[in-house]
C-alpha atoms as a PDB file:
ATOM      1  CA  MET A   1      99.335 151.063 107.149  1.00  0.00           C
ATOM      2  CA  PRO A   2     101.706 153.148 105.036  1.00  0.00           C
ATOM      3  CA  PRO A   3     101.511 156.977 105.317  1.00  0.00           C
ATOM      4  CA  PHE A   4     100.995 157.428 101.630  1.00  0.00           C
ATOM      5  CA  LEU A   5      99.638 155.160  98.852  1.00  0.00           C
ATOM      6  CA  TRP A   6     100.355 155.801  95.121  1.00  0.00           C
ATOM      7  CA  GLU A   7      98.012 153.347  93.205  1.00  0.00           C
ATOM      8  CA  GLN A   8      99.336 153.503  89.621  1.00  0.00           C
ATOM      9  CA  HIS A   9      96.537 151.574  88.081  1.00  0.00           C
ATOM     10  CA  CYS A  10      93.089 150.499  89.010  1.00  0.00           C
ATOM     11  CA  CYS A  11      89.845 150.027  87.037  1.00  0.00           C
ATOM     12  CA  LEU A  12      86.214 151.112  87.204  1.00  0.00           C
ATOM     13  CA  PRO A  13      83.661 149.801  84.807  1.00  0.00           C
ATOM     14  CA  LEU A  14      84.360 151.500  81.454  1.00  0.00           C
ATOM     15  CA  VAL A  15      80.851 153.064  81.361  1.00  0.00           C
ATOM     16  CA  PRO A  16      79.522 156.494  82.219  1.00  0.00           C
ATOM     17  CA  SER A  17      77.353 154.994  84.919  1.00  0.00           C
ATOM     18  CA  ALA A  18      80.378 153.789  86.845  1.00  0.00           C
ATOM     19  CA  ARG A  19      80.316 154.688  90.602  1.00  0.00           C
ATOM     20  CA  ILE A  20      83.206 157.078  91.217  1.00  0.00           C
ATOM     21  CA  ALA A  21      82.356 156.731  95.003  1.00  0.00           C
ATOM     22  CA  ASP A  22      83.676 153.211  94.848  1.00  0.00           C
ATOM     23  CA  LEU A  23      87.164 154.671  94.668  1.00  0.00           C
ATOM     24  CA  ALA A  24      86.734 155.966  98.291  1.00  0.00           C
ATOM     25  CA  ARG A  25      87.631 152.407  99.416  1.00  0.00           C
ATOM     26  CA  TYR A  26      91.140 153.735  99.104  1.00  0.00           C
ATOM     27  CA  PRO A  27      92.135 156.039 101.968  1.00  0.00           C
ATOM     28  CA  ARG A  28      92.211 159.682 101.763  1.00  0.00           C
ATOM     29  CA  GLY A  29      95.580 161.112 100.977  1.00  0.00           C
ATOM     30  CA  SER A  30      96.191 158.350  98.439  1.00  0.00           C
ATOM     31  CA  TYR A  31      96.829 159.008  94.508  1.00  0.00           C
ATOM     32  CA  LEU A  32      94.956 156.823  92.079  1.00  0.00           C
ATOM     33  CA  SER A  33      95.405 156.313  88.451  1.00  0.00           C
ATOM     34  CA  VAL A  34      92.169 155.116  86.860  1.00  0.00           C
ATOM     35  CA  ASN A  35      91.689 153.484  83.481  1.00  0.00           C
ATOM     36  CA  VAL A  36      89.695 155.381  80.905  1.00  0.00           C
ATOM     37  CA  GLY A  37      90.134 153.159  77.913  1.00  0.00           C
ATOM     38  CA  TYR A  38      91.863 150.400  76.022  1.00  0.00           C
ATOM     39  CA  SER A  39      92.108 148.811  72.548  1.00  0.00           C
ATOM     40  CA  PRO A  40      88.256 148.650  71.731  1.00  0.00           C
ATOM     41  CA  HIS A  41      87.682 152.304  72.460  1.00  0.00           C
ATOM     42  CA  THR A  42      87.655 155.289  70.135  1.00  0.00           C
ATOM     43  CA  THR A  43      88.848 158.674  71.045  1.00  0.00           C
ATOM     44  CA  GLU A  44      85.346 159.938  71.705  1.00  0.00           C
ATOM     45  CA  ASP A  45      84.632 156.895  73.865  1.00  0.00           C
ATOM     46  CA  SER A  46      87.400 157.549  76.080  1.00  0.00           C
ATOM     47  CA  LEU A  47      87.036 161.400  76.200  1.00  0.00           C
ATOM     48  CA  LYS A  48      83.250 160.967  77.090  1.00  0.00           C
ATOM     49  CA  LEU A  49      84.312 158.530  79.913  1.00  0.00           C
ATOM     50  CA  THR A  50      86.995 160.797  81.246  1.00  0.00           C
ATOM     51  CA  ARG A  51      84.582 163.850  81.258  1.00  0.00           C
ATOM     52  CA  GLN A  52      82.010 161.899  83.185  1.00  0.00           C
ATOM     53  CA  TYR A  53      84.496 160.465  85.690  1.00  0.00           C
ATOM     54  CA  ARG A  54      85.803 164.092  86.207  1.00  0.00           C
ATOM     55  CA  ALA A  55      82.309 165.525  86.672  1.00  0.00           C
ATOM     56  CA  ASP A  56      81.390 162.733  89.087  1.00  0.00           C
ATOM     57  CA  ALA A  57      84.547 163.187  91.192  1.00  0.00           C
ATOM     58  CA  LEU A  58      84.073 166.849  91.513  1.00  0.00           C
ATOM     59  CA  ALA A  59      80.439 166.337  92.639  1.00  0.00           C
ATOM     60  CA  ASP A  60      81.455 163.845  95.129  1.00  0.00           C
ATOM     61  CA  GLY A  61      83.857 166.100  96.996  1.00  0.00           C
ATOM     62  CA  ARG A  62      86.113 163.539  98.263  1.00  0.00           C
ATOM     63  CA  PHE A  63      88.424 163.701  95.142  1.00  0.00           C
ATOM     64  CA  ARG A  64      90.936 166.074  93.870  1.00  0.00           C
ATOM     65  CA  LEU A  65      91.620 166.125  90.155  1.00  0.00           C
ATOM     66  CA  VAL A  66      95.306 166.100  89.334  1.00  0.00           C
ATOM     67  CA  HIS A  67      96.704 168.669  87.099  1.00  0.00           C
ATOM     68  CA  SER A  68     100.152 169.053  88.398  1.00  0.00           C
ATOM     69  CA  HIS A  69     102.394 167.123  90.847  1.00  0.00           C
ATOM     70  CA  SER A  70     101.555 169.661  93.534  1.00  0.00           C
ATOM     71  CA  ASP A  71      97.960 168.517  93.586  1.00  0.00           C
ATOM     72  CA  ILE A  72      98.979 165.298  95.214  1.00  0.00           C
ATOM     73  CA  GLY A  73      99.352 164.674  99.006  1.00  0.00           C
ATOM     74  CA  ASP A  74      96.341 166.453 100.517  1.00  0.00           C
ATOM     75  CA  PRO A  75      95.324 164.212 103.434  1.00  0.00           C
ATOM     76  CA  GLU A  76      91.647 165.214 103.139  1.00  0.00           C
ATOM     77  CA  THR A  77      91.096 164.147  99.593  1.00  0.00           C
ATOM     78  CA  ILE A  78      92.124 161.353  97.165  1.00  0.00           C
ATOM     79  CA  ALA A  79      94.080 162.637  94.205  1.00  0.00           C
ATOM     80  CA  LEU A  80      92.704 161.276  90.913  1.00  0.00           C
ATOM     81  CA  ALA A  81      94.307 161.083  87.406  1.00  0.00           C
ATOM     82  CA  PHE A  82      93.790 158.671  84.579  1.00  0.00           C
ATOM     83  CA  ASP A  83      95.387 156.288  82.173  1.00  0.00           C
ATOM     84  CA  LEU A  84      94.963 154.672  78.941  1.00  0.00           C
ATOM     85  CA  GLU A  85      95.769 150.988  78.437  1.00  0.00           C
ATOM     86  CA  ASP A  86      96.316 151.175  74.746  1.00  0.00           C
ATOM     87  CA  SER A  87      97.191 153.943  72.176  1.00  0.00           C
ATOM     88  CA  GLY A  88      93.994 153.030  70.177  1.00  0.00           C
ATOM     89  CA  PRO A  89      91.962 155.682  71.752  1.00  0.00           C
ATOM     90  CA  LEU A  90      94.362 158.252  70.006  1.00  0.00           C
ATOM     91  CA  GLY A  91      92.620 157.330  66.757  1.00  0.00           C
ATOM     92  CA  GLY A  92      96.066 157.528  65.059  1.00  0.00           C
ATOM     93  CA  ASP A  93      96.316 161.269  65.877  1.00  0.00           C
ATOM     94  CA  LEU A  94      99.364 162.011  68.119  1.00  0.00           C
ATOM     95  CA  ASP A  95      98.071 165.426  68.862  1.00  0.00           C
ATOM     96  CA  ASN A  96      95.402 163.591  70.960  1.00  0.00           C
ATOM     97  CA  VAL A  97      98.090 162.881  73.547  1.00  0.00           C
ATOM     98  CA  ALA A  98      98.053 166.519  74.558  1.00  0.00           C
ATOM     99  CA  LEU A  99      94.250 166.524  74.599  1.00  0.00           C
ATOM    100  CA  PHE A 100      94.027 163.562  76.885  1.00  0.00           C
ATOM    101  CA  TYR A 101      96.788 165.115  79.077  1.00  0.00           C
ATOM    102  CA  GLU A 102      94.546 168.261  79.625  1.00  0.00           C
ATOM    103  CA  TYR A 103      91.713 165.902  80.699  1.00  0.00           C
ATOM    104  CA  GLY A 104      94.019 164.314  83.347  1.00  0.00           C
ATOM    105  CA  VAL A 105      95.520 161.287  81.608  1.00  0.00           C
ATOM    106  CA  ARG A 106      99.072 160.820  82.931  1.00  0.00           C
ATOM    107  CA  SER A 107      99.962 157.430  81.663  1.00  0.00           C
ATOM    108  CA  MET A 108      99.654 155.486  78.241  1.00  0.00           C
ATOM    109  CA  LEU A 109     100.392 151.966  77.094  1.00  0.00           C
ATOM    110  CA  PRO A 110     101.364 151.831  73.500  1.00  0.00           C
ATOM    111  CA  THR A 111      99.799 148.238  73.110  1.00  0.00           C
ATOM    112  CA  TYR A 112      97.289 146.115  75.138  1.00  0.00           C
ATOM    113  CA  ASN A 113      98.167 142.355  74.700  1.00  0.00           C
ATOM    114  CA  SER A 114      98.118 142.310  70.893  1.00  0.00           C
ATOM    115  CA  ALA A 115      99.849 144.247  68.119  1.00  0.00           C
ATOM    116  CA  ASN A 116      98.596 147.419  66.760  1.00  0.00           C
ATOM    117  CA  ALA A 117      99.924 150.495  64.938  1.00  0.00           C
ATOM    118  CA  ALA A 118     102.384 151.364  67.756  1.00  0.00           C
ATOM    119  CA  GLY A 119     103.983 147.903  68.425  1.00  0.00           C
ATOM    120  CA  CYS A 120     103.499 144.399  69.716  1.00  0.00           C
ATOM    121  CA  GLY A 121     101.639 143.010  72.701  1.00  0.00           C
ATOM    122  CA  CYS A 122     102.566 140.497  75.307  1.00  0.00           C
ATOM    123  CA  LEU A 123     100.459 137.755  73.626  1.00  0.00           C
ATOM    124  CA  ASP A 124     101.907 138.036  70.146  1.00  0.00           C
ATOM    125  CA  THR A 125     103.836 135.096  68.946  1.00  0.00           C
ATOM    126  CA  GLN A 126     105.890 137.322  66.666  1.00  0.00           C
ATOM    127  CA  ASP A 127     107.542 140.094  68.521  1.00  0.00           C
ATOM    128  CA  THR A 128     108.853 142.986  66.181  1.00  0.00           C
ATOM    129  CA  GLY A 129     108.861 145.664  68.848  1.00  0.00           C
ATOM    130  CA  LEU A 130     107.930 149.287  68.376  1.00  0.00           C
ATOM    131  CA  THR A 131     106.888 150.609  65.002  1.00  0.00           C
ATOM    132  CA  ALA A 132     107.931 153.962  63.524  1.00  0.00           C
ATOM    133  CA  TYR A 133     104.597 155.208  64.780  1.00  0.00           C
ATOM    134  CA  GLY A 134     105.312 153.780  68.204  1.00  0.00           C
ATOM    135  CA  ARG A 135     108.604 155.669  68.336  1.00  0.00           C
ATOM    136  CA  ASP A 136     106.891 158.826  67.336  1.00  0.00           C
ATOM    137  CA  LEU A 137     104.378 158.074  70.208  1.00  0.00           C
ATOM    138  CA  VAL A 138     107.068 157.875  72.581  1.00  0.00           C
ATOM    139  CA  ARG A 139     108.607 161.191  71.580  1.00  0.00           C
ATOM    140  CA  MET A 140     105.125 162.683  71.885  1.00  0.00           C
ATOM    141  CA  LEU A 141     104.494 161.248  75.383  1.00  0.00           C
ATOM    142  CA  ASN A 142     107.905 162.686  76.456  1.00  0.00           C
ATOM    143  CA  GLU A 143     107.062 165.997  75.051  1.00  0.00           C
ATOM    144  CA  VAL A 144     103.678 166.337  76.605  1.00  0.00           C
ATOM    145  CA  GLY A 145     104.800 164.870  79.914  1.00  0.00           C
ATOM    146  CA  MET A 146     102.902 161.650  80.067  1.00  0.00           C
ATOM    147  CA  PHE A 147     104.280 158.424  81.431  1.00  0.00           C
ATOM    148  CA  VAL A 148     105.421 155.922  78.765  1.00  0.00           C
ATOM    149  CA  ASP A 149     103.960 152.594  80.250  1.00  0.00           C
ATOM    150  CA  GLY A 150     105.305 149.128  79.143  1.00  0.00           C
ATOM    151  CA  SER A 151     102.571 146.995  80.888  1.00  0.00           C
ATOM    152  CA  HIS A 152     100.770 144.582  78.528  1.00  0.00           C
ATOM    153  CA  CYS A 153     103.524 145.313  75.857  1.00  0.00           C
ATOM    154  CA  SER A 154     105.702 142.560  74.383  1.00  0.00           C
ATOM    155  CA  ALA A 155     109.216 142.163  75.753  1.00  0.00           C
ATOM    156  CA  ARG A 156     110.927 143.656  72.538  1.00  0.00           C
ATOM    157  CA  THR A 157     108.395 146.588  72.630  1.00  0.00           C
ATOM    158  CA  GLY A 158     109.087 147.229  76.279  1.00  0.00           C
ATOM    159  CA  LEU A 159     112.839 147.239  75.745  1.00  0.00           C
ATOM    160  CA  ASP A 160     112.411 149.544  72.668  1.00  0.00           C
ATOM    161  CA  LEU A 161     110.433 151.989  74.970  1.00  0.00           C
ATOM    162  CA  ALA A 162     113.459 152.032  77.267  1.00  0.00           C
ATOM    163  CA  THR A 163     115.634 152.768  74.408  1.00  0.00           C
ATOM    164  CA  HIS A 164     113.778 155.561  72.936  1.00  0.00           C
ATOM    165  CA  THR A 165     112.302 157.458  75.946  1.00  0.00           C
ATOM    166  CA  GLN A 166     114.260 160.415  77.016  1.00  0.00           C
ATOM    167  CA  VAL A 167     112.740 160.381  80.755  1.00  0.00           C
ATOM    168  CA  PRO A 168     111.853 157.510  83.126  1.00  0.00           C
ATOM    169  CA  MET A 169     109.461 154.963  81.731  1.00  0.00           C
ATOM    170  CA  ILE A 170     107.217 152.765  83.983  1.00  0.00           C
ATOM    171  CA  TYR A 171     105.539 149.349  84.030  1.00  0.00           C
ATOM    172  CA  SER A 172     102.427 150.517  85.943  1.00  0.00           C
ATOM    173  CA  HIS A 173     101.076 147.045  86.874  1.00  0.00           C
ATOM    174  CA  SER A 174     103.518 144.305  86.043  1.00  0.00           C
ATOM    175  CA  ASN A 175     104.961 141.360  87.904  1.00  0.00           C
ATOM    176  CA  PHE A 176     108.172 139.193  87.278  1.00  0.00           C
ATOM    177  CA  ALA A 177     108.142 136.302  84.884  1.00  0.00           C
ATOM    178  CA  ALA A 178     111.158 134.846  86.895  1.00  0.00           C
ATOM    179  CA  LEU A 179     108.825 134.100  89.708  1.00  0.00           C
ATOM    180  CA  TRP A 180     105.674 133.160  87.680  1.00  0.00           C
ATOM    181  CA  GLU A 181     105.828 132.538  84.069  1.00  0.00           C
ATOM    182  CA  HIS A 182     102.827 134.214  82.704  1.00  0.00           C
ATOM    183  CA  PRO A 183     102.866 136.126  79.447  1.00  0.00           C
ATOM    184  CA  ARG A 184     101.675 139.320  81.137  1.00  0.00           C
ATOM    185  CA  ASN A 185     104.728 139.329  83.479  1.00  0.00           C
ATOM    186  CA  ILE A 186     107.984 141.040  82.471  1.00  0.00           C
ATOM    187  CA  THR A 187     111.383 139.625  82.112  1.00  0.00           C
ATOM    188  CA  ASP A 188     114.297 140.573  84.339  1.00  0.00           C
ATOM    189  CA  GLU A 189     115.870 142.208  81.238  1.00  0.00           C
ATOM    190  CA  GLN A 190     112.844 144.468  80.796  1.00  0.00           C
ATOM    191  CA  ALA A 191     112.899 145.473  84.447  1.00  0.00           C
ATOM    192  CA  LYS A 192     116.615 146.363  84.357  1.00  0.00           C
ATOM    193  CA  ALA A 193     116.102 148.541  81.162  1.00  0.00           C
ATOM    194  CA  CYS A 194     113.159 150.282  82.820  1.00  0.00           C
ATOM    195  CA  ALA A 195     115.337 151.024  85.905  1.00  0.00           C
ATOM    196  CA  ALA A 196     118.156 152.174  83.686  1.00  0.00           C
ATOM    197  CA  THR A 197     115.984 154.922  82.479  1.00  0.00           C
ATOM    198  CA  GLY A 198     115.080 155.893  86.184  1.00  0.00           C
ATOM    199  CA  GLY A 199     111.663 154.260  86.125  1.00  0.00           C
ATOM    200  CA  VAL A 200     109.473 152.259  88.397  1.00  0.00           C
ATOM    201  CA  ILE A 201     107.723 148.781  88.071  1.00  0.00           C
ATOM    202  CA  GLY A 202     104.440 148.716  89.869  1.00  0.00           C
ATOM    203  CA  ILE A 203     103.618 145.175  91.384  1.00  0.00           C
ATOM    204  CA  ASN A 204     100.080 144.085  90.791  1.00  0.00           C
ATOM    205  CA  GLY A 205      97.675 141.906  92.890  1.00  0.00           C
ATOM    206  CA  VAL A 206      96.027 139.779  90.155  1.00  0.00           C
ATOM    207  CA  GLY A 207      95.754 136.097  91.138  1.00  0.00           C
ATOM    208  CA  ILE A 208      96.709 134.868  87.650  1.00  0.00           C
ATOM    209  CA  PHE A 209      99.863 136.958  87.445  1.00  0.00           C
ATOM    210  CA  LEU A 210     100.888 135.925  90.894  1.00  0.00           C
ATOM    211  CA  GLY A 211     100.163 132.216  90.706  1.00  0.00           C
ATOM    212  CA  ARG A 212      97.674 132.475  93.530  1.00  0.00           C
ATOM    213  CA  ASN A 213      94.230 132.683  92.050  1.00  0.00           C
ATOM    214  CA  GLY A 214      92.104 130.544  94.382  1.00  0.00           C
ATOM    215  CA  VAL A 215      88.896 132.275  96.002  1.00  0.00           C
ATOM    216  CA  ASP A 216      90.228 131.785  99.349  1.00  0.00           C
ATOM    217  CA  GLU A 217      93.850 132.821  98.743  1.00  0.00           C
ATOM    218  CA  GLY A 218      93.711 136.476  99.711  1.00  0.00           C
ATOM    219  CA  ALA A 219      96.528 136.227 102.236  1.00  0.00           C
ATOM    220  CA  ALA A 220      98.593 134.147  99.846  1.00  0.00           C
ATOM    221  CA  ARG A 221      98.157 136.844  97.147  1.00  0.00           C
ATOM    222  CA  ILE A 222      99.628 139.447  99.620  1.00  0.00           C
ATOM    223  CA  GLU A 223     102.527 137.190 100.279  1.00  0.00           C
ATOM    224  CA  ALA A 224     103.083 136.633  96.598  1.00  0.00           C
ATOM    225  CA  MET A 225     103.038 140.376  96.078  1.00  0.00           C
ATOM    226  CA  ALA A 226     105.712 140.666  98.636  1.00  0.00           C
ATOM    227  CA  ASP A 227     107.704 137.991  96.813  1.00  0.00           C
ATOM    228  CA  HIS A 228     107.656 140.157  93.737  1.00  0.00           C
ATOM    229  CA  VAL A 229     108.599 143.275  95.625  1.00  0.00           C
ATOM    230  CA  GLU A 230     111.493 141.381  96.997  1.00  0.00           C
ATOM    231  CA  HIS A 231     112.652 140.048  93.718  1.00  0.00           C
ATOM    232  CA  GLY A 232     112.387 143.455  92.160  1.00  0.00           C
ATOM    233  CA  VAL A 233     114.282 145.148  95.004  1.00  0.00           C
ATOM    234  CA  GLU A 234     117.164 142.497  94.682  1.00  0.00           C
ATOM    235  CA  LEU A 235     117.215 142.964  90.898  1.00  0.00           C
ATOM    236  CA  VAL A 236     117.048 146.692  90.402  1.00  0.00           C
ATOM    237  CA  GLY A 237     117.010 148.332  93.871  1.00  0.00           C
ATOM    238  CA  ILE A 238     114.258 149.670  96.192  1.00  0.00           C
ATOM    239  CA  GLU A 239     114.024 152.989  94.188  1.00  0.00           C
ATOM    240  CA  HIS A 240     112.577 151.177  91.253  1.00  0.00           C
ATOM    241  CA  ILE A 241     109.609 149.320  92.800  1.00  0.00           C
ATOM    242  CA  GLY A 242     106.001 150.567  93.392  1.00  0.00           C
ATOM    243  CA  ILE A 243     102.400 149.461  93.596  1.00  0.00           C
ATOM    244  CA  GLY A 244      99.961 149.333  90.624  1.00  0.00           C
ATOM    245  CA  SER A 245      97.482 146.754  92.003  1.00  0.00           C
ATOM    246  CA  ASP A 246      95.324 146.478  88.785  1.00  0.00           C
ATOM    247  CA  TYR A 247      92.233 146.150  91.051  1.00  0.00           C
ATOM    248  CA  SER A 248      89.028 145.983  89.096  1.00  0.00           C
ATOM    249  CA  PHE A 249      85.918 147.362  90.648  1.00  0.00           C
ATOM    250  CA  ASP A 250      83.847 145.560  87.844  1.00  0.00           C
ATOM    251  CA  ALA A 251      85.302 141.974  88.684  1.00  0.00           C
ATOM    252  CA  ASP A 252      82.038 140.150  87.357  1.00  0.00           C
ATOM    253  CA  ASP A 253      81.889 142.143  84.155  1.00  0.00           C
ATOM    254  CA  PHE A 254      85.641 141.632  83.590  1.00  0.00           C
ATOM    255  CA  ASN A 255      85.362 137.980  84.050  1.00  0.00           C
ATOM    256  CA  SER A 256      82.454 137.726  81.717  1.00  0.00           C
ATOM    257  CA  MET A 257      84.568 139.607  79.073  1.00  0.00           C
ATOM    258  CA  LEU A 258      87.363 137.068  79.421  1.00  0.00           C
ATOM    259  CA  THR A 259      84.930 134.461  78.324  1.00  0.00           C
ATOM    260  CA  ASP A 260      83.176 136.455  75.701  1.00  0.00           C
ATOM    261  CA  HIS A 261      86.263 137.832  73.926  1.00  0.00           C
ATOM    262  CA  PRO A 262      88.858 135.067  73.353  1.00  0.00           C
ATOM    263  CA  GLU A 263      90.423 137.172  70.598  1.00  0.00           C
ATOM    264  CA  LEU A 264      91.587 139.495  73.490  1.00  0.00           C
ATOM    265  CA  TYR A 265      92.035 136.939  76.251  1.00  0.00           C
ATOM    266  CA  PRO A 266      93.355 133.655  75.011  1.00  0.00           C
ATOM    267  CA  GLU A 267      93.544 130.348  77.117  1.00  0.00           C
ATOM    268  CA  SER A 268      96.860 131.636  78.504  1.00  0.00           C
ATOM    269  CA  TYR A 269      94.716 134.070  80.503  1.00  0.00           C
ATOM    270  CA  THR A 270      91.638 132.042  81.260  1.00  0.00           C
ATOM    271  CA  LYS A 271      93.094 128.564  82.005  1.00  0.00           C
ATOM    272  CA  TRP A 272      93.284 129.406  85.807  1.00  0.00           C
ATOM    273  CA  GLY A 273      89.474 130.198  86.162  1.00  0.00           C
ATOM    274  CA  SER A 274      87.827 133.434  87.109  1.00  0.00           C
ATOM    275  CA  LEU A 275      90.279 136.161  88.003  1.00  0.00           C
ATOM    276  CA  GLN A 276      90.734 137.080  91.569  1.00  0.00           C
ATOM    277  CA  TRP A 277      92.297 140.401  92.807  1.00  0.00           C
ATOM    278  CA  VAL A 278      93.754 141.899  95.980  1.00  0.00           C
ATOM    279  CA  PRO A 279      91.191 144.725  96.802  1.00  0.00           C
ATOM    280  CA  PRO A 280      92.192 147.955  98.616  1.00  0.00           C
ATOM    281  CA  GLU A 281      91.230 146.746 101.891  1.00  0.00           C
ATOM    282  CA  GLU A 282      93.322 143.620 101.735  1.00  0.00           C
ATOM    283  CA  LEU A 283      96.292 145.513 100.205  1.00  0.00           C
ATOM    284  CA  LEU A 284      96.265 147.667 103.247  1.00  0.00           C
ATOM    285  CA  GLY A 285      95.281 145.033 105.707  1.00  0.00           C
ATOM    286  CA  THR A 286      92.257 143.715 107.360  1.00  0.00           C
ATOM    287  CA  GLU A 287      91.519 141.612 110.543  1.00  0.00           C
ATOM    288  CA  ARG A 288      91.609 138.459 108.332  1.00  0.00           C
ATOM    289  CA  VAL A 289      94.400 139.430 105.936  1.00  0.00           C
ATOM    290  CA  PRO A 290      97.710 141.232 106.921  1.00  0.00           C
ATOM    291  CA  GLY A 291      98.382 144.082 104.522  1.00  0.00           C
ATOM    292  CA  LEU A 292     101.440 144.345 102.179  1.00  0.00           C
ATOM    293  CA  ASP A 293     103.043 147.016 104.587  1.00  0.00           C
ATOM    294  CA  GLU A 294     102.799 144.465 107.478  1.00  0.00           C
ATOM    295  CA  VAL A 295     104.270 141.644 105.490  1.00  0.00           C
ATOM    296  CA  LEU A 296     107.135 143.669 104.122  1.00  0.00           C
ATOM    297  CA  ALA A 297     107.882 144.927 107.582  1.00  0.00           C
ATOM    298  CA  ARG A 298     108.033 141.289 108.809  1.00  0.00           C
ATOM    299  CA  ARG A 299     110.508 140.458 106.115  1.00  0.00           C
ATOM    300  CA  GLY A 300     112.711 143.227 107.203  1.00  0.00           C
ATOM    301  CA  PHE A 301     111.843 146.262 104.953  1.00  0.00           C
ATOM    302  CA  SER A 302     112.394 149.437 106.908  1.00  0.00           C
ATOM    303  CA  ALA A 303     109.846 152.204 107.125  1.00  0.00           C
ATOM    304  CA  ASP A 304     111.559 154.350 104.578  1.00  0.00           C
ATOM    305  CA  ASP A 305     111.875 151.377 102.226  1.00  0.00           C
ATOM    306  CA  ARG A 306     108.182 150.657 102.539  1.00  0.00           C
ATOM    307  CA  ALA A 307     107.311 154.276 102.159  1.00  0.00           C
ATOM    308  CA  ALA A 308     109.403 154.302  98.884  1.00  0.00           C
ATOM    309  CA  VAL A 309     107.405 151.170  97.553  1.00  0.00           C
ATOM    310  CA  PHE A 310     103.977 152.353  98.475  1.00  0.00           C
ATOM    311  CA  GLY A 311     104.365 155.917  97.025  1.00  0.00           C
ATOM    312  CA  GLY A 312     107.623 157.746  97.102  1.00  0.00           C
ATOM    313  CA  ASN A 313     109.125 156.057  94.030  1.00  0.00           C
ATOM    314  CA  PHE A 314     106.312 156.672  91.701  1.00  0.00           C
ATOM    315  CA  SER A 315     105.850 160.243  93.023  1.00  0.00           C
ATOM    316  CA  ARG A 316     109.595 160.851  92.378  1.00  0.00           C
ATOM    317  CA  VAL A 317     109.398 159.887  88.616  1.00  0.00           C
ATOM    318  CA  ALA A 318     106.106 161.751  88.245  1.00  0.00           C
ATOM    319  CA  ALA A 319     107.769 164.970  89.357  1.00  0.00           C
ATOM    320  CA  GLN A 320     110.477 164.400  86.711  1.00  0.00           C
ATOM    321  CA  VAL A 321     108.072 163.349  83.855  1.00  0.00           C
ATOM    322  CA  TRP A 322     104.957 165.372  84.204  1.00  0.00           C
ATOM    323  CA  ARG A 323     104.716 168.900  82.980  1.00  0.00           C
ATOM    324  CA  ASP A 324     103.172 171.132  85.642  1.00  0.00           C
END
């Protein structure tokens, strides 16, 4: 098992009653970025959820809320911060970026799958990229010290993010379209543009984005994650690849939402059946499924390389981007 895991994106149920204790399935010493809202949520929805997650984490005692980069790395606790999967929860007010930052949000996607005031999403048939508001959003994210995140954005929007950011951008949980042609996966051009900013691409463990979505394909999903790590390393270098597994602790609810909201999740998402994920235990390895660290070691990745992928790379860019 790697000495340090930086998980750049995972999801609890987006309700105040979510069990923060479920995050303890990750090992102590890890850093977790947990989603607190996306396109359907208002500013108050996401602020209320973030307040509840923070209160529950503090009451639990196993978690440490992240204010600065120096809050990460305590081997006795799990460092916890948050992310927004769309700019919709800003309510059109860019001053809310600073407000969410104070509540521990350290990463934001301008768009989630479909076009909004900031730009286009990965499912839009017409891709016009970032809007003027989207460019202003990037400037504000840079100023406040929050990651500019291109996951779920359209290809042109992602390229525009790389053009306009003044600090490293990221793809928190995106795989490579060159290996599996899904609209949520990014092009090699996007990856190269992200790397040119100094950024990092987090490989996810979602079956439909890996091409391994069978119920009994847990080990195959780990091997597919390793394929995407290898492709990324060959394309942009080891220093630009990380982990953002996109694990959902509310799998049943999420799969129901896929069926109930075709306007958000069209047939290109749902045609492979119910989503399957790589859970934390399988990511790190079980008796039945070798973990990603073990698979990468078998493929010839050194201990230093694996440490960079599992945590060092995202930690490095966070130290550059976040405002302590």
